[in-house]
Amino acid sequence: MFLIRVSLPDRPGSLGAVATALGKSGADIQSVSIVGRDFGKVIDDFIVELPLGMMPDSAVSACTSCEDVAVLWCSRYPGGAGLESDVEVLERMLADPDNAAEILTEAAPPVFHCNWAVLVDTTAQLVVHATTLAPDLDSAALASIGPLDQARTLDLAAGWLPAWVETVIGVVPVGSDRALIVGRHGGPDFLTAELARLRYLATLIAMA
């Protein structure tokens, strides 16, 4: 399973052309998400499953064979990760308001195509909920990330934790005393639109 982030022209037929090219290459498209728009371009995330023996370069070449299309990122996507929409997560949060923050934490990797997420008590500087692949963030590690009371992104160099690769993180506050941190190994960067979606869901926790 691979995540391929593609920039394509914001015009009718562009998405269909890329999907057709991927299909002809042998890639099985599991989902397509629009993650941003910028200067006449649309940024889409394709989650694709490649058949045994097919190299990801073949899927990348299929995308770039389409006119004015560029591949911004291609990386493995956690196998078995479910695919869920913002609306589905919101419905689950509203159905269980006492655990809304934990629900969003668990849902963040499949919804926002990241590797892990942690919920932090910012007063105690303590992780109170974490997904399976999340790093062990103690108070010193959290302090190195910096302020947790504002929505922002941050690039962490390889070795930011022992044996950890370069990591891109997004931070959004959850109420007045918690924060949600999401991480991707190596990238791609969290787009402004992605962070805005995550912040919107986090804001609704206080209203759930």
N, C-alpha and C. Protein backbone atom coordinates (compact mmCIF):
# COMPACT_ATOMS: atom_id res chain seq x y z
N MET A 1 0.85 -1.18 0.00
CA MET A 1 0.00 0.00 0.00
C MET A 1 0.89 1.24 0.00
N PHE A 2 0.57 2.21 -0.89
CA PHE A 2 1.39 3.41 -1.00
C PHE A 2 0.50 4.65 -1.00
N LEU A 3 1.06 5.73 -0.46
CA LEU A 3 0.46 7.06 -0.55
C LEU A 3 1.20 7.82 -1.63
N ILE A 4 0.46 8.29 -2.64
CA ILE A 4 1.05 9.10 -3.70
C ILE A 4 0.35 10.45 -3.68
N ARG A 5 1.11 11.50 -3.40
CA ARG A 5 0.55 12.86 -3.42
C ARG A 5 0.84 13.49 -4.77
N VAL A 6 -0.21 13.95 -5.42
CA VAL A 6 -0.12 14.41 -6.81
C VAL A 6 -0.64 15.84 -6.94
N SER A 7 0.05 16.64 -7.72
CA SER A 7 -0.41 17.97 -8.09
C SER A 7 -0.91 17.89 -9.53
N LEU A 8 -2.16 18.29 -9.75
CA LEU A 8 -2.73 18.22 -11.09
C LEU A 8 -3.52 19.48 -11.39
N PRO A 9 -3.73 19.79 -12.66
CA PRO A 9 -4.47 21.00 -13.03
C PRO A 9 -5.89 20.98 -12.49
N ASP A 10 -6.34 22.13 -12.01
CA ASP A 10 -7.71 22.24 -11.49
C ASP A 10 -8.66 22.46 -12.66
N ARG A 11 -8.87 21.41 -13.43
CA ARG A 11 -9.77 21.47 -14.59
C ARG A 11 -10.43 20.11 -14.78
N PRO A 12 -11.61 20.09 -15.38
CA PRO A 12 -12.33 18.83 -15.55
C PRO A 12 -11.49 17.80 -16.31
N GLY A 13 -11.56 16.58 -15.86
CA GLY A 13 -10.89 15.49 -16.55
C GLY A 13 -9.52 15.14 -16.02
N SER A 14 -8.89 16.04 -15.27
CA SER A 14 -7.53 15.79 -14.80
C SER A 14 -7.47 14.61 -13.83
N LEU A 15 -8.39 14.60 -12.87
CA LEU A 15 -8.40 13.51 -11.89
C LEU A 15 -8.69 12.17 -12.58
N GLY A 16 -9.63 12.18 -13.49
CA GLY A 16 -9.96 10.95 -14.21
C GLY A 16 -8.79 10.42 -15.01
N ALA A 17 -8.02 11.34 -15.61
CA ALA A 17 -6.87 10.93 -16.40
C ALA A 17 -5.82 10.25 -15.54
N VAL A 18 -5.57 10.80 -14.35
CA VAL A 18 -4.58 10.20 -13.45
C VAL A 18 -5.08 8.84 -12.95
N ALA A 19 -6.36 8.76 -12.58
CA ALA A 19 -6.92 7.50 -12.11
C ALA A 19 -6.84 6.42 -13.19
N THR A 20 -7.13 6.82 -14.43
CA THR A 20 -7.06 5.87 -15.54
C THR A 20 -5.64 5.38 -15.76
N ALA A 21 -4.69 6.32 -15.70
CA ALA A 21 -3.28 5.95 -15.90
C ALA A 21 -2.80 5.01 -14.80
N LEU A 22 -3.20 5.26 -13.56
CA LEU A 22 -2.81 4.37 -12.47
C LEU A 22 -3.42 2.99 -12.65
N GLY A 23 -4.68 2.96 -13.06
CA GLY A 23 -5.34 1.68 -13.27
C GLY A 23 -4.66 0.87 -14.36
N LYS A 24 -4.29 1.52 -15.45
CA LYS A 24 -3.61 0.82 -16.55
C LYS A 24 -2.24 0.31 -16.14
N SER A 25 -1.63 0.98 -15.18
CA SER A 25 -0.30 0.55 -14.73
C SER A 25 -0.37 -0.68 -13.84
N GLY A 26 -1.57 -0.98 -13.34
CA GLY A 26 -1.74 -2.12 -12.45
C GLY A 26 -2.02 -1.75 -11.02
N ALA A 27 -1.95 -0.45 -10.71
CA ALA A 27 -2.22 0.01 -9.34
C ALA A 27 -3.72 -0.05 -9.05
N ASP A 28 -4.06 -0.51 -7.86
CA ASP A 28 -5.45 -0.58 -7.43
C ASP A 28 -5.72 0.59 -6.49
N ILE A 29 -6.52 1.57 -6.93
CA ILE A 29 -6.79 2.77 -6.13
C ILE A 29 -7.76 2.44 -5.01
N GLN A 30 -7.32 2.67 -3.76
CA GLN A 30 -8.17 2.42 -2.59
C GLN A 30 -8.96 3.66 -2.19
N SER A 31 -8.38 4.82 -2.39
CA SER A 31 -9.08 6.07 -2.06
C SER A 31 -8.37 7.24 -2.72
N VAL A 32 -9.14 8.32 -2.91
CA VAL A 32 -8.59 9.58 -3.41
C VAL A 32 -9.12 10.70 -2.52
N SER A 33 -8.23 11.55 -2.02
CA SER A 33 -8.63 12.66 -1.16
C SER A 33 -8.06 13.96 -1.70
N ILE A 34 -8.89 14.99 -1.80
CA ILE A 34 -8.40 16.32 -2.15
C ILE A 34 -7.89 16.97 -0.87
N VAL A 35 -6.61 17.32 -0.85
CA VAL A 35 -6.02 17.88 0.37
C VAL A 35 -5.66 19.35 0.25
N GLY A 36 -5.80 19.93 -0.95
CA GLY A 36 -5.50 21.35 -1.08
C GLY A 36 -5.65 21.85 -2.49
N ARG A 37 -5.74 23.17 -2.61
CA ARG A 37 -5.78 23.84 -3.91
C ARG A 37 -4.85 25.04 -3.85
N ASP A 38 -4.16 25.32 -4.96
CA ASP A 38 -3.21 26.42 -4.95
C ASP A 38 -2.87 26.84 -6.37
N PHE A 39 -3.20 28.08 -6.74
CA PHE A 39 -2.82 28.66 -8.02
C PHE A 39 -3.17 27.76 -9.21
N GLY A 40 -4.44 27.37 -9.28
CA GLY A 40 -4.90 26.59 -10.41
C GLY A 40 -4.52 25.13 -10.36
N LYS A 41 -3.98 24.68 -9.23
CA LYS A 41 -3.60 23.29 -9.05
C LYS A 41 -4.41 22.67 -7.92
N VAL A 42 -4.65 21.37 -8.03
CA VAL A 42 -5.29 20.61 -6.97
C VAL A 42 -4.28 19.59 -6.45
N ILE A 43 -4.21 19.46 -5.13
CA ILE A 43 -3.33 18.48 -4.52
C ILE A 43 -4.19 17.32 -4.04
N ASP A 44 -3.95 16.14 -4.59
CA ASP A 44 -4.72 14.95 -4.25
C ASP A 44 -3.82 13.88 -3.64
N ASP A 45 -4.34 13.17 -2.66
CA ASP A 45 -3.66 12.00 -2.12
C ASP A 45 -4.34 10.74 -2.65
N PHE A 46 -3.56 9.90 -3.31
CA PHE A 46 -4.04 8.60 -3.77
C PHE A 46 -3.47 7.53 -2.84
N ILE A 47 -4.34 6.70 -2.29
CA ILE A 47 -3.89 5.50 -1.58
C ILE A 47 -4.06 4.35 -2.57
N VAL A 48 -2.95 3.72 -2.93
CA VAL A 48 -2.99 2.67 -3.95
C VAL A 48 -2.35 1.40 -3.42
N GLU A 49 -2.86 0.29 -3.88
CA GLU A 49 -2.25 -1.00 -3.59
C GLU A 49 -1.58 -1.49 -4.86
N LEU A 50 -0.31 -1.84 -4.75
CA LEU A 50 0.44 -2.29 -5.91
C LEU A 50 0.53 -3.81 -5.91
N PRO A 51 0.38 -4.43 -7.07
CA PRO A 51 0.48 -5.89 -7.14
C PRO A 51 1.90 -6.36 -6.87
N LEU A 52 2.04 -7.60 -6.48
CA LEU A 52 3.35 -8.18 -6.19
C LEU A 52 4.27 -8.02 -7.39
N GLY A 53 5.44 -7.46 -7.14
CA GLY A 53 6.42 -7.29 -8.21
C GLY A 53 6.40 -5.93 -8.88
N MET A 54 5.34 -5.14 -8.64
CA MET A 54 5.27 -3.80 -9.25
C MET A 54 6.01 -2.80 -8.37
N MET A 55 6.92 -2.06 -8.96
CA MET A 55 7.67 -1.05 -8.22
C MET A 55 6.89 0.26 -8.16
N PRO A 56 7.01 1.01 -7.07
CA PRO A 56 6.29 2.28 -6.97
C PRO A 56 6.66 3.26 -8.07
N ASP A 57 7.88 3.13 -8.62
CA ASP A 57 8.28 4.02 -9.72
C ASP A 57 7.32 3.90 -10.91
N SER A 58 6.75 2.72 -11.09
CA SER A 58 5.81 2.52 -12.20
C SER A 58 4.54 3.33 -11.99
N ALA A 59 4.07 3.38 -10.75
CA ALA A 59 2.89 4.18 -10.43
C ALA A 59 3.19 5.66 -10.58
N VAL A 60 4.38 6.07 -10.14
CA VAL A 60 4.77 7.47 -10.29
C VAL A 60 4.84 7.86 -11.76
N SER A 61 5.43 7.01 -12.57
CA SER A 61 5.54 7.28 -14.01
C SER A 61 4.16 7.36 -14.66
N ALA A 62 3.23 6.53 -14.19
CA ALA A 62 1.87 6.56 -14.73
C ALA A 62 1.23 7.92 -14.46
N CYS A 63 1.44 8.44 -13.26
CA CYS A 63 0.88 9.75 -12.92
C CYS A 63 1.48 10.86 -13.78
N THR A 64 2.80 10.86 -13.88
CA THR A 64 3.49 11.95 -14.59
C THR A 64 3.34 11.84 -16.11
N SER A 65 2.79 10.72 -16.58
CA SER A 65 2.52 10.62 -18.02
C SER A 65 1.35 11.49 -18.43
N CYS A 66 0.56 11.94 -17.44
CA CYS A 66 -0.59 12.81 -17.71
C CYS A 66 -0.11 14.26 -17.80
N GLU A 67 -0.75 15.01 -18.64
CA GLU A 67 -0.33 16.40 -18.91
C GLU A 67 -0.40 17.26 -17.66
N ASP A 68 0.71 17.99 -17.40
CA ASP A 68 0.80 18.96 -16.30
C ASP A 68 0.61 18.34 -14.92
N VAL A 69 0.91 17.07 -14.79
CA VAL A 69 0.78 16.39 -13.50
C VAL A 69 2.16 16.14 -12.91
N ALA A 70 2.29 16.41 -11.61
CA ALA A 70 3.56 16.18 -10.91
C ALA A 70 3.30 15.36 -9.66
N VAL A 71 4.20 14.44 -9.35
CA VAL A 71 4.12 13.67 -8.12
C VAL A 71 4.96 14.38 -7.06
N LEU A 72 4.32 14.77 -5.97
CA LEU A 72 5.01 15.50 -4.91
C LEU A 72 5.59 14.56 -3.86
N TRP A 73 5.01 13.36 -3.75
CA TRP A 73 5.45 12.45 -2.70
C TRP A 73 4.96 11.05 -3.01
N CYS A 74 5.78 10.07 -2.68
CA CYS A 74 5.37 8.67 -2.78
C CYS A 74 6.04 7.91 -1.64
N SER A 75 5.25 7.25 -0.82
CA SER A 75 5.81 6.50 0.30
C SER A 75 4.86 5.39 0.69
N ARG A 76 5.39 4.42 1.42
CA ARG A 76 4.55 3.34 1.92
C ARG A 76 3.49 3.89 2.86
N TYR A 77 2.33 3.28 2.81
CA TYR A 77 1.22 3.67 3.69
C TYR A 77 0.98 2.50 4.64
N PRO A 78 0.75 2.78 5.94
CA PRO A 78 0.61 1.69 6.90
C PRO A 78 -0.41 0.64 6.46
N GLY A 79 0.03 -0.58 6.32
CA GLY A 79 -0.85 -1.66 5.88
C GLY A 79 -1.97 -1.89 6.86
N GLY A 80 -3.17 -2.08 6.35
CA GLY A 80 -4.32 -2.37 7.19
C GLY A 80 -4.98 -1.14 7.78
N ALA A 81 -4.42 0.06 7.52
CA ALA A 81 -5.04 1.27 8.07
C ALA A 81 -6.38 1.50 7.39
N GLY A 82 -7.39 1.73 8.21
CA GLY A 82 -8.71 1.98 7.65
C GLY A 82 -8.78 3.35 6.99
N LEU A 83 -9.79 3.54 6.19
CA LEU A 83 -10.01 4.82 5.54
C LEU A 83 -11.31 5.40 6.05
N GLU A 84 -11.26 6.62 6.53
CA GLU A 84 -12.43 7.23 7.16
C GLU A 84 -12.46 8.70 6.79
N SER A 85 -13.66 9.28 6.73
CA SER A 85 -13.80 10.69 6.37
C SER A 85 -13.94 11.55 7.62
N ASP A 86 -13.76 12.85 7.44
CA ASP A 86 -13.93 13.79 8.54
C ASP A 86 -15.33 13.68 9.14
N VAL A 87 -16.33 13.54 8.29
CA VAL A 87 -17.72 13.47 8.75
C VAL A 87 -17.95 12.24 9.61
N GLU A 88 -17.39 11.10 9.18
CA GLU A 88 -17.55 9.87 9.95
C GLU A 88 -16.91 10.00 11.32
N VAL A 89 -15.74 10.64 11.38
CA VAL A 89 -15.07 10.86 12.67
C VAL A 89 -15.91 11.77 13.54
N LEU A 90 -16.43 12.84 12.96
CA LEU A 90 -17.25 13.79 13.72
C LEU A 90 -18.48 13.09 14.30
N GLU A 91 -19.10 12.23 13.52
CA GLU A 91 -20.27 11.49 14.00
C GLU A 91 -19.91 10.62 15.20
N ARG A 92 -18.75 9.98 15.15
CA ARG A 92 -18.32 9.14 16.27
C ARG A 92 -18.00 9.98 17.49
N MET A 93 -17.41 11.15 17.27
CA MET A 93 -17.10 12.06 18.38
C MET A 93 -18.38 12.56 19.06
N LEU A 94 -19.37 12.91 18.27
CA LEU A 94 -20.62 13.41 18.83
C LEU A 94 -21.39 12.31 19.56
N ALA A 95 -21.22 11.08 19.11
CA ALA A 95 -21.92 9.96 19.75
C ALA A 95 -21.29 9.60 21.09
N ASP A 96 -20.05 9.98 21.32
CA ASP A 96 -19.33 9.65 22.56
C ASP A 96 -18.50 10.86 22.98
N PRO A 97 -19.16 11.95 23.40
CA PRO A 97 -18.45 13.19 23.69
C PRO A 97 -17.40 13.08 24.78
N ASP A 98 -17.60 12.17 25.74
CA ASP A 98 -16.62 12.05 26.83
C ASP A 98 -15.27 11.53 26.32
N ASN A 99 -15.28 10.83 25.20
CA ASN A 99 -14.04 10.27 24.64
C ASN A 99 -13.72 10.85 23.26
N ALA A 100 -14.26 12.04 22.98
CA ALA A 100 -14.10 12.63 21.65
C ALA A 100 -12.65 12.88 21.30
N ALA A 101 -11.85 13.33 22.25
CA ALA A 101 -10.44 13.62 21.97
C ALA A 101 -9.67 12.34 21.65
N GLU A 102 -9.97 11.27 22.37
CA GLU A 102 -9.31 9.99 22.12
C GLU A 102 -9.74 9.42 20.77
N ILE A 103 -11.02 9.60 20.44
CA ILE A 103 -11.52 9.13 19.14
C ILE A 103 -10.79 9.84 18.01
N LEU A 104 -10.63 11.15 18.12
CA LEU A 104 -9.93 11.91 17.08
C LEU A 104 -8.47 11.48 16.99
N THR A 105 -7.85 11.20 18.13
CA THR A 105 -6.45 10.76 18.13
C THR A 105 -6.30 9.45 17.36
N GLU A 106 -7.18 8.49 17.63
CA GLU A 106 -7.11 7.20 16.95
C GLU A 106 -7.45 7.32 15.47
N ALA A 107 -8.32 8.26 15.12
CA ALA A 107 -8.76 8.41 13.74
C ALA A 107 -7.78 9.22 12.89
N ALA A 108 -6.93 10.00 13.53
CA ALA A 108 -6.05 10.90 12.77
C ALA A 108 -5.18 10.20 11.74
N PRO A 109 -4.51 9.08 12.06
CA PRO A 109 -3.66 8.44 11.03
C PRO A 109 -4.40 8.04 9.76
N PRO A 110 -5.55 7.32 9.83
CA PRO A 110 -6.21 6.98 8.58
C PRO A 110 -6.87 8.16 7.88
N VAL A 111 -7.38 9.12 8.63
CA VAL A 111 -8.08 10.26 8.01
C VAL A 111 -7.09 11.24 7.39
N PHE A 112 -5.98 11.48 8.07
CA PHE A 112 -5.02 12.48 7.60
C PHE A 112 -3.75 11.86 7.02
N HIS A 113 -3.80 10.55 6.76
CA HIS A 113 -2.71 9.85 6.08
C HIS A 113 -1.36 10.11 6.75
N CYS A 114 -1.35 9.93 8.07
CA CYS A 114 -0.10 10.08 8.81
C CYS A 114 0.21 8.76 9.51
N ASN A 115 1.37 8.70 10.16
CA ASN A 115 1.82 7.44 10.76
C ASN A 115 1.38 7.27 12.21
N TRP A 116 1.23 8.38 12.92
CA TRP A 116 0.89 8.28 14.34
C TRP A 116 0.27 9.57 14.86
N ALA A 117 -0.30 9.46 16.06
CA ALA A 117 -0.90 10.63 16.71
C ALA A 117 -0.83 10.44 18.22
N VAL A 118 -0.65 11.54 18.93
CA VAL A 118 -0.67 11.51 20.40
C VAL A 118 -1.50 12.67 20.92
N LEU A 119 -2.18 12.42 22.03
CA LEU A 119 -2.93 13.45 22.74
C LEU A 119 -2.14 13.81 23.98
N VAL A 120 -1.89 15.11 24.16
CA VAL A 120 -1.01 15.57 25.24
C VAL A 120 -1.77 16.46 26.22
N ASP A 121 -1.55 16.21 27.50
CA ASP A 121 -1.99 17.13 28.55
C ASP A 121 -0.90 18.20 28.63
N THR A 122 -1.22 19.40 28.16
CA THR A 122 -0.19 20.44 28.06
C THR A 122 0.20 21.02 29.41
N THR A 123 -0.67 20.90 30.39
CA THR A 123 -0.34 21.40 31.74
C THR A 123 0.68 20.49 32.41
N ALA A 124 0.43 19.18 32.31
CA ALA A 124 1.33 18.21 32.94
C ALA A 124 2.48 17.82 32.02
N GLN A 125 2.43 18.26 30.74
CA GLN A 125 3.43 17.86 29.74
C GLN A 125 3.54 16.33 29.70
N LEU A 126 2.37 15.71 29.47
CA LEU A 126 2.28 14.26 29.54
C LEU A 126 1.38 13.74 28.43
N VAL A 127 1.82 12.69 27.74
CA VAL A 127 0.99 12.04 26.72
C VAL A 127 -0.07 11.21 27.44
N VAL A 128 -1.34 11.47 27.12
CA VAL A 128 -2.43 10.75 27.79
C VAL A 128 -3.11 9.73 26.87
N HIS A 129 -2.83 9.80 25.58
CA HIS A 129 -3.35 8.79 24.65
C HIS A 129 -2.46 8.78 23.42
N ALA A 130 -2.20 7.60 22.88
CA ALA A 130 -1.30 7.50 21.73
C ALA A 130 -1.71 6.34 20.84
N THR A 131 -1.48 6.47 19.55
CA THR A 131 -1.73 5.38 18.62
C THR A 131 -0.56 4.40 18.65
N THR A 132 -0.75 3.26 18.01
CA THR A 132 0.20 2.15 18.10
C THR A 132 1.62 2.53 17.71
N LEU A 133 1.78 3.27 16.62
CA LEU A 133 3.12 3.55 16.08
C LEU A 133 3.73 4.84 16.62
N ALA A 134 3.10 5.45 17.61
CA ALA A 134 3.58 6.73 18.12
C ALA A 134 4.88 6.57 18.91
N PRO A 135 5.74 7.59 18.87
CA PRO A 135 6.96 7.54 19.68
C PRO A 135 6.66 7.75 21.15
N ASP A 136 7.61 7.39 22.00
CA ASP A 136 7.49 7.61 23.44
C ASP A 136 7.97 9.03 23.73
N LEU A 137 7.02 9.93 23.90
CA LEU A 137 7.36 11.34 24.09
C LEU A 137 7.28 11.69 25.58
N ASP A 138 8.45 11.87 26.19
CA ASP A 138 8.47 12.32 27.57
C ASP A 138 8.44 13.84 27.61
N SER A 139 8.52 14.42 28.78
CA SER A 139 8.41 15.87 28.91
C SER A 139 9.53 16.59 28.17
N ALA A 140 10.73 16.01 28.15
CA ALA A 140 11.84 16.64 27.44
C ALA A 140 11.59 16.65 25.93
N ALA A 141 11.08 15.52 25.41
CA ALA A 141 10.79 15.45 23.97
C ALA A 141 9.68 16.43 23.60
N LEU A 142 8.67 16.55 24.44
CA LEU A 142 7.58 17.48 24.18
C LEU A 142 8.09 18.92 24.22
N ALA A 143 8.99 19.20 25.14
CA ALA A 143 9.56 20.55 25.24
C ALA A 143 10.35 20.90 23.98
N SER A 144 11.01 19.89 23.39
CA SER A 144 11.81 20.15 22.19
C SER A 144 10.92 20.46 20.98
N ILE A 145 9.69 19.97 21.02
CA ILE A 145 8.75 20.26 19.93
C ILE A 145 8.31 21.72 19.98
N GLY A 146 8.26 22.27 21.19
CA GLY A 146 7.93 23.69 21.31
C GLY A 146 6.48 23.91 21.70
N PRO A 147 5.96 25.13 21.51
CA PRO A 147 4.61 25.48 21.97
C PRO A 147 3.55 24.53 21.41
N LEU A 148 2.62 24.15 22.27
CA LEU A 148 1.54 23.25 21.87
C LEU A 148 0.18 23.94 21.91
N ASP A 149 0.20 25.27 22.12
CA ASP A 149 -1.06 26.00 22.26
C ASP A 149 -1.47 26.74 20.99
N GLN A 150 -0.81 26.41 19.87
CA GLN A 150 -1.15 27.04 18.60
C GLN A 150 -0.98 26.03 17.47
N ALA A 151 -1.84 26.14 16.47
CA ALA A 151 -1.77 25.22 15.33
C ALA A 151 -0.55 25.55 14.49
N ARG A 152 0.26 24.54 14.20
CA ARG A 152 1.47 24.77 13.42
C ARG A 152 2.05 23.45 12.94
N THR A 153 3.00 23.53 12.04
CA THR A 153 3.72 22.35 11.57
C THR A 153 5.20 22.52 11.88
N LEU A 154 5.91 21.40 11.90
CA LEU A 154 7.32 21.44 12.25
C LEU A 154 8.04 20.28 11.60
N ASP A 155 9.22 20.54 11.05
CA ASP A 155 10.08 19.50 10.49
C ASP A 155 11.14 19.14 11.52
N LEU A 156 11.22 17.86 11.88
CA LEU A 156 12.20 17.39 12.85
C LEU A 156 13.25 16.55 12.14
N ALA A 157 14.50 16.90 12.35
CA ALA A 157 15.60 16.21 11.67
C ALA A 157 15.75 14.78 12.18
N ALA A 158 16.34 13.93 11.35
CA ALA A 158 16.62 12.55 11.75
C ALA A 158 17.40 12.56 13.07
N GLY A 159 17.02 11.68 13.98
CA GLY A 159 17.66 11.63 15.28
C GLY A 159 17.02 12.52 16.32
N TRP A 160 15.87 13.15 15.98
CA TRP A 160 15.20 14.00 16.98
C TRP A 160 14.80 13.18 18.20
N LEU A 161 14.58 11.90 17.97
CA LEU A 161 14.53 10.89 19.03
C LEU A 161 15.51 9.79 18.62
N PRO A 162 16.13 9.11 19.56
CA PRO A 162 17.09 8.06 19.20
C PRO A 162 16.51 7.06 18.20
N ALA A 163 17.22 6.90 17.08
CA ALA A 163 16.87 5.92 16.03
C ALA A 163 15.64 6.32 15.23
N TRP A 164 15.15 7.54 15.40
CA TRP A 164 13.97 7.97 14.63
C TRP A 164 14.40 8.73 13.38
N VAL A 165 13.66 8.52 12.29
CA VAL A 165 13.96 9.19 11.03
C VAL A 165 13.41 10.61 11.05
N GLU A 166 13.75 11.36 10.00
CA GLU A 166 13.19 12.69 9.83
C GLU A 166 11.67 12.61 9.88
N THR A 167 11.05 13.52 10.61
CA THR A 167 9.61 13.46 10.85
C THR A 167 8.98 14.82 10.66
N VAL A 168 7.83 14.82 10.01
CA VAL A 168 7.02 16.04 9.87
C VAL A 168 5.86 15.93 10.83
N ILE A 169 5.65 16.95 11.64
CA ILE A 169 4.54 16.89 12.60
C ILE A 169 3.60 18.07 12.41
N GLY A 170 2.36 17.86 12.84
CA GLY A 170 1.37 18.93 12.92
C GLY A 170 0.86 18.98 14.34
N VAL A 171 0.63 20.18 14.85
CA VAL A 171 0.16 20.39 16.22
C VAL A 171 -1.12 21.22 16.18
N VAL A 172 -2.15 20.78 16.91
CA VAL A 172 -3.35 21.59 17.07
C VAL A 172 -3.77 21.54 18.53
N PRO A 173 -4.18 22.68 19.11
CA PRO A 173 -4.68 22.66 20.48
C PRO A 173 -6.04 21.99 20.55
N VAL A 174 -6.29 21.33 21.67
CA VAL A 174 -7.59 20.70 21.93
C VAL A 174 -8.10 21.29 23.23
N GLY A 175 -8.96 22.29 23.12
CA GLY A 175 -9.38 23.00 24.31
C GLY A 175 -8.25 23.84 24.87
N SER A 176 -8.29 24.10 26.17
CA SER A 176 -7.29 24.98 26.79
C SER A 176 -6.12 24.24 27.41
N ASP A 177 -6.24 22.91 27.57
CA ASP A 177 -5.19 22.20 28.31
C ASP A 177 -4.72 20.91 27.64
N ARG A 178 -5.08 20.72 26.37
CA ARG A 178 -4.61 19.54 25.66
C ARG A 178 -4.20 19.93 24.24
N ALA A 179 -3.44 19.05 23.62
CA ALA A 179 -3.02 19.27 22.23
C ALA A 179 -2.92 17.92 21.54
N LEU A 180 -3.15 17.94 20.24
CA LEU A 180 -3.00 16.75 19.41
C LEU A 180 -1.79 16.94 18.51
N ILE A 181 -0.89 15.96 18.53
CA ILE A 181 0.29 15.98 17.67
C ILE A 181 0.19 14.80 16.71
N VAL A 182 0.34 15.08 15.41
CA VAL A 182 0.31 14.02 14.40
C VAL A 182 1.64 14.02 13.67
N GLY A 183 2.09 12.83 13.25
CA GLY A 183 3.41 12.75 12.63
C GLY A 183 3.45 11.89 11.39
N ARG A 184 4.31 12.28 10.46
CA ARG A 184 4.59 11.51 9.25
C ARG A 184 6.09 11.26 9.19
N HIS A 185 6.46 10.03 8.88
CA HIS A 185 7.88 9.69 8.75
C HIS A 185 8.41 10.22 7.42
N GLY A 186 9.19 11.27 7.47
CA GLY A 186 9.81 11.81 6.27
C GLY A 186 8.97 12.79 5.49
N GLY A 187 7.65 12.72 5.57
CA GLY A 187 6.78 13.59 4.83
C GLY A 187 5.58 12.82 4.31
N PRO A 188 4.76 13.44 3.46
CA PRO A 188 4.86 14.80 2.96
C PRO A 188 4.48 15.83 4.03
N ASP A 189 4.76 17.10 3.74
CA ASP A 189 4.41 18.16 4.67
C ASP A 189 2.91 18.21 4.88
N PHE A 190 2.50 18.68 6.04
CA PHE A 190 1.08 18.92 6.28
C PHE A 190 0.71 20.24 5.61
N LEU A 191 -0.24 20.17 4.68
CA LEU A 191 -0.69 21.36 3.99
C LEU A 191 -1.57 22.21 4.91
N THR A 192 -1.68 23.49 4.58
CA THR A 192 -2.51 24.40 5.38
C THR A 192 -3.93 23.88 5.48
N ALA A 193 -4.46 23.36 4.37
CA ALA A 193 -5.83 22.84 4.37
C ALA A 193 -5.97 21.63 5.29
N GLU A 194 -4.96 20.77 5.33
CA GLU A 194 -5.01 19.60 6.21
C GLU A 194 -5.02 20.03 7.67
N LEU A 195 -4.16 20.97 8.01
CA LEU A 195 -4.09 21.44 9.39
C LEU A 195 -5.40 22.13 9.78
N ALA A 196 -6.00 22.85 8.85
CA ALA A 196 -7.28 23.52 9.13
C ALA A 196 -8.38 22.50 9.41
N ARG A 197 -8.41 21.40 8.66
CA ARG A 197 -9.40 20.34 8.89
C ARG A 197 -9.21 19.72 10.28
N LEU A 198 -7.96 19.44 10.61
CA LEU A 198 -7.65 18.83 11.91
C LEU A 198 -8.01 19.79 13.05
N ARG A 199 -7.71 21.06 12.85
CA ARG A 199 -8.01 22.05 13.89
C ARG A 199 -9.52 22.19 14.06
N TYR A 200 -10.27 22.13 12.96
CA TYR A 200 -11.73 22.22 13.02
C TYR A 200 -12.30 21.09 13.87
N LEU A 201 -11.84 19.86 13.61
CA LEU A 201 -12.32 18.73 14.40
C LEU A 201 -11.93 18.86 15.86
N ALA A 202 -10.71 19.34 16.11
CA ALA A 202 -10.26 19.52 17.49
C ALA A 202 -11.10 20.57 18.21
N THR A 203 -11.45 21.63 17.49
CA THR A 203 -12.27 22.69 18.09
C THR A 203 -13.64 22.18 18.50
N LEU A 204 -14.19 21.26 17.71
CA LEU A 204 -15.53 20.73 17.97
C LEU A 204 -15.57 19.83 19.20
N ILE A 205 -14.41 19.38 19.66
CA ILE A 205 -14.38 18.51 20.86
C ILE A 205 -14.98 19.23 22.05
N ALA A 206 -14.66 20.51 22.18
CA ALA A 206 -15.18 21.29 23.31
C ALA A 206 -16.69 21.47 23.21
N MET A 207 -17.23 21.32 22.00
CA MET A 207 -18.66 21.51 21.79
C MET A 207 -19.42 20.19 21.79
N ALA A 208 -18.65 19.07 21.77
CA ALA A 208 -19.31 17.76 21.68
C ALA A 208 -20.08 17.41 22.94
